[in-house]
Amino acid sequence: MSTREIRAVYCAETITVYQAYGAGIALAAAAAGRFVAPFERDRMTWIKPSFLWMMYRSGWATKPGQEHVLAVEIRRDGFEWALGRACLSHYDRDLHASVADWKRQLRESPVRVQWDPERDLHLSPVPGCRSLQLGLSGEAVRRYVDEWTVRITDVTALAHRIHELVRARDLDAARALLPPEREYPH
């Protein structure tokens, strides 16, 4: 059985999530401290509390269109709002009365939940541990951009430094630079 766990950097008021973008979106957002054009509000945007899962997804900030990783500090009440309105991105017979019921929830929900394998410093799956990512659309994107975002920091240099240490097999030094994530209470 796998463990579904939200691990994140958080305090009483905020939680940090990660996103990867190309330079156009990332540099504009980091400079403004919020998402501005060319960020598109009408597209689903995925947020990830796990730094290493973001590194896996972005290839240590090297994949095309994902060359910059942003640490987005958002209000916890906003994150909780999203969790409370989320629907699994796939049908689960233990959670949904029927496929039709799940499809209805999916249509009505502004938030999708996916539980993906957590990653280690080598970006290999951590056995038995699943990490959260949330897909925001519609009202959730509007709230994320206009209400929840407190601070945006470009952490691309950190991602590259940790990756260099992993490649040099200095895992202790790499681990010491990781954001101090801990289990999020939910």
Protein backbone atom coordinates (compact mmCIF):
# COMPACT_ATOMS: atom_id res chain seq x y z
CA MET A 1 0.00 0.00 0.00
CA SER A 2 1.35 3.42 -0.90
CA THR A 3 1.38 6.39 1.42
CA ARG A 4 -0.22 9.56 0.13
CA GLU A 5 1.45 12.43 1.86
CA ILE A 6 1.68 16.15 1.29
CA ARG A 7 5.24 17.17 2.10
CA ALA A 8 5.96 20.87 1.86
CA VAL A 9 7.67 23.92 3.24
CA TYR A 10 5.02 25.76 5.22
CA CYS A 11 4.39 28.01 8.19
CA ALA A 12 1.22 29.13 9.96
CA GLU A 13 0.14 31.38 7.09
CA THR A 14 1.70 30.02 3.89
CA ILE A 15 2.76 26.91 1.98
CA THR A 16 5.31 26.79 -0.83
CA VAL A 17 4.46 25.11 -4.11
CA TYR A 18 6.59 24.79 -7.24
CA GLN A 19 6.01 25.38 -10.91
CA ALA A 20 8.35 25.31 -13.91
CA TYR A 21 8.06 27.63 -16.89
CA GLY A 22 10.02 29.04 -19.77
CA ALA A 23 11.84 32.33 -19.30
CA GLY A 24 8.98 34.53 -20.54
CA ILE A 25 6.49 33.52 -17.86
CA ALA A 26 8.98 32.80 -15.06
CA LEU A 27 11.08 35.95 -15.27
CA ALA A 28 8.01 38.21 -15.56
CA ALA A 29 6.37 36.51 -12.56
CA ALA A 30 9.51 36.63 -10.41
CA ALA A 31 10.06 40.31 -11.24
CA ALA A 32 6.44 41.26 -10.51
CA GLY A 33 6.06 38.99 -7.48
CA ARG A 34 2.85 37.65 -9.01
CA PHE A 35 1.73 36.00 -12.23
CA VAL A 36 1.43 38.47 -15.10
CA ALA A 37 1.35 38.18 -18.89
CA PRO A 38 2.37 36.03 -20.66
CA PHE A 39 0.93 33.69 -17.94
CA GLU A 40 -2.41 32.38 -19.24
CA ARG A 41 -5.28 32.29 -16.76
CA ASP A 42 -7.51 30.19 -19.00
CA ARG A 43 -5.24 27.13 -18.89
CA MET A 44 -4.99 24.56 -16.13
CA THR A 45 -1.91 25.22 -14.01
CA TRP A 46 -0.32 22.48 -11.90
CA ILE A 47 1.24 23.21 -8.52
CA LYS A 48 3.49 20.80 -6.64
CA PRO A 49 4.49 21.05 -2.97
CA SER A 50 7.38 18.59 -3.46
CA PHE A 51 10.63 20.17 -4.66
CA LEU A 52 12.06 16.84 -5.86
CA TRP A 53 8.89 15.95 -7.74
CA MET A 54 9.22 19.30 -9.50
CA MET A 55 12.84 18.48 -10.30
CA TYR A 56 11.69 15.18 -11.81
CA ARG A 57 8.98 16.89 -13.85
CA SER A 58 11.28 19.66 -15.11
CA GLY A 59 14.45 17.58 -15.47
CA TRP A 60 16.27 19.79 -12.98
CA ALA A 61 14.96 22.86 -14.85
CA THR A 62 16.31 21.74 -18.22
CA LYS A 63 13.26 20.55 -20.18
CA PRO A 64 12.03 22.88 -22.93
CA GLY A 65 9.51 25.34 -21.53
CA GLN A 66 10.51 24.39 -17.97
CA GLU A 67 13.94 26.00 -17.73
CA HIS A 68 12.96 28.09 -14.70
CA VAL A 69 11.57 26.74 -11.44
CA LEU A 70 9.50 29.06 -9.29
CA ALA A 71 8.87 28.65 -5.58
CA VAL A 72 5.42 30.14 -5.12
CA GLU A 73 4.48 30.94 -1.56
CA ILE A 74 0.69 30.89 -1.26
CA ARG A 75 -1.75 31.41 1.58
CA ARG A 76 -2.64 28.21 3.40
CA ASP A 77 -6.33 29.10 3.44
CA GLY A 78 -6.17 29.20 -0.36
CA PHE A 79 -4.41 25.84 -0.49
CA GLU A 80 -7.05 24.42 1.85
CA TRP A 81 -9.79 25.89 -0.37
CA ALA A 82 -8.26 24.05 -3.34
CA LEU A 83 -7.96 20.76 -1.43
CA GLY A 84 -11.58 21.04 -0.31
CA ARG A 85 -12.82 21.44 -3.89
CA ALA A 86 -10.53 18.94 -5.57
CA CYS A 87 -11.53 15.91 -7.58
CA LEU A 88 -9.22 13.01 -8.39
CA SER A 89 -8.01 13.13 -11.98
CA HIS A 90 -8.90 9.43 -12.32
CA TYR A 91 -11.86 7.26 -11.32
CA ASP A 92 -11.48 5.33 -8.06
CA ARG A 93 -14.26 2.86 -7.28
CA ASP A 94 -13.52 3.14 -3.55
CA LEU A 95 -14.14 6.88 -3.60
CA HIS A 96 -16.76 7.40 -6.29
CA ALA A 97 -20.27 5.98 -6.40
CA SER A 98 -19.97 5.44 -10.16
CA VAL A 99 -18.01 6.52 -13.20
CA ALA A 100 -20.84 8.92 -14.02
CA ASP A 101 -20.61 10.43 -10.51
CA TRP A 102 -16.84 10.88 -10.90
CA LYS A 103 -17.27 12.50 -14.34
CA ARG A 104 -19.84 14.91 -12.88
CA GLN A 105 -17.44 15.83 -10.06
CA LEU A 106 -14.65 16.28 -12.58
CA ARG A 107 -16.77 18.68 -14.68
CA GLU A 108 -17.83 20.71 -11.63
CA SER A 109 -14.50 20.89 -9.78
CA PRO A 110 -12.00 23.70 -10.45
CA VAL A 111 -9.21 21.54 -8.97
CA ARG A 112 -7.72 18.17 -9.97
CA VAL A 113 -5.68 15.94 -7.66
CA GLN A 114 -2.99 13.54 -8.79
CA TRP A 115 -0.86 11.38 -6.52
CA ASP A 116 2.42 10.63 -8.25
CA PRO A 117 5.45 8.69 -7.03
CA GLU A 118 7.63 10.87 -4.80
CA ARG A 119 11.22 11.19 -6.01
CA ASP A 120 14.64 10.92 -4.40
CA LEU A 121 17.79 12.90 -5.23
CA HIS A 122 18.40 10.67 -8.26
CA LEU A 123 14.78 11.39 -9.33
CA SER A 124 13.95 7.72 -8.92
CA PRO A 125 10.56 6.80 -7.46
CA VAL A 126 10.45 6.46 -3.67
CA PRO A 127 8.77 3.07 -3.11
CA GLY A 128 5.37 3.33 -1.46
CA CYS A 129 5.30 7.13 -1.26
CA ARG A 130 2.98 9.25 -3.39
CA SER A 131 3.29 13.01 -3.75
CA LEU A 132 0.51 15.51 -4.39
CA GLN A 133 0.07 17.76 -7.35
CA LEU A 134 -2.94 19.99 -7.84
CA GLY A 135 -4.29 21.16 -11.18
CA LEU A 136 -6.02 24.52 -10.91
CA SER A 137 -8.53 25.77 -13.46
CA GLY A 138 -11.19 28.46 -13.74
CA GLU A 139 -12.01 30.03 -10.40
CA ALA A 140 -9.06 28.27 -8.72
CA VAL A 141 -6.55 29.88 -11.13
CA ARG A 142 -8.11 33.30 -10.57
CA ARG A 143 -7.88 32.88 -6.79
CA TYR A 144 -4.32 31.51 -7.04
CA VAL A 145 -3.12 34.47 -9.08
CA ASP A 146 -5.16 37.27 -7.47
CA GLU A 147 -5.63 36.20 -3.85
CA TRP A 148 -3.37 33.39 -2.69
CA THR A 149 0.06 34.27 -4.05
CA VAL A 150 2.24 35.94 -1.42
CA ARG A 151 5.71 35.66 -2.98
CA ILE A 152 7.35 34.20 -6.08
CA THR A 153 11.04 33.29 -6.05
CA ASP A 154 13.05 31.90 -8.96
CA VAL A 155 14.87 28.87 -7.49
CA THR A 156 16.45 27.72 -10.74
CA ALA A 157 19.99 28.35 -9.49
CA LEU A 158 19.26 26.21 -6.42
CA ALA A 159 17.91 23.43 -8.64
CA HIS A 160 21.03 23.53 -10.80
CA ARG A 161 23.36 23.58 -7.76
CA ILE A 162 21.67 20.58 -6.16
CA HIS A 163 21.80 18.74 -9.49
CA GLU A 164 25.54 19.48 -9.80
CA LEU A 165 26.11 18.01 -6.34
CA VAL A 166 24.06 14.91 -7.20
CA ARG A 167 26.08 14.42 -10.39
CA ALA A 168 29.28 14.81 -8.34
CA ARG A 169 27.90 12.15 -5.94
CA ASP A 170 27.99 14.55 -3.00
CA LEU A 171 24.54 13.54 -1.79
CA ASP A 172 25.01 14.87 1.74
CA ALA A 173 25.75 18.36 0.41
CA ALA A 174 22.85 18.08 -2.05
CA ARG A 175 20.48 16.95 0.69
CA ALA A 176 21.58 19.87 2.90
CA LEU A 177 20.41 22.33 0.23
CA LEU A 178 16.95 20.82 -0.22
CA PRO A 179 14.04 22.92 1.01
CA PRO A 180 13.07 21.71 4.53
CA GLU A 181 9.84 19.92 3.66
CA ARG A 182 7.76 18.20 6.30
CA GLU A 183 4.41 16.47 6.35
CA TYR A 184 1.57 18.93 5.87
CA PRO A 185 -1.38 18.50 8.23
CA HIS A 186 -4.60 17.82 6.35
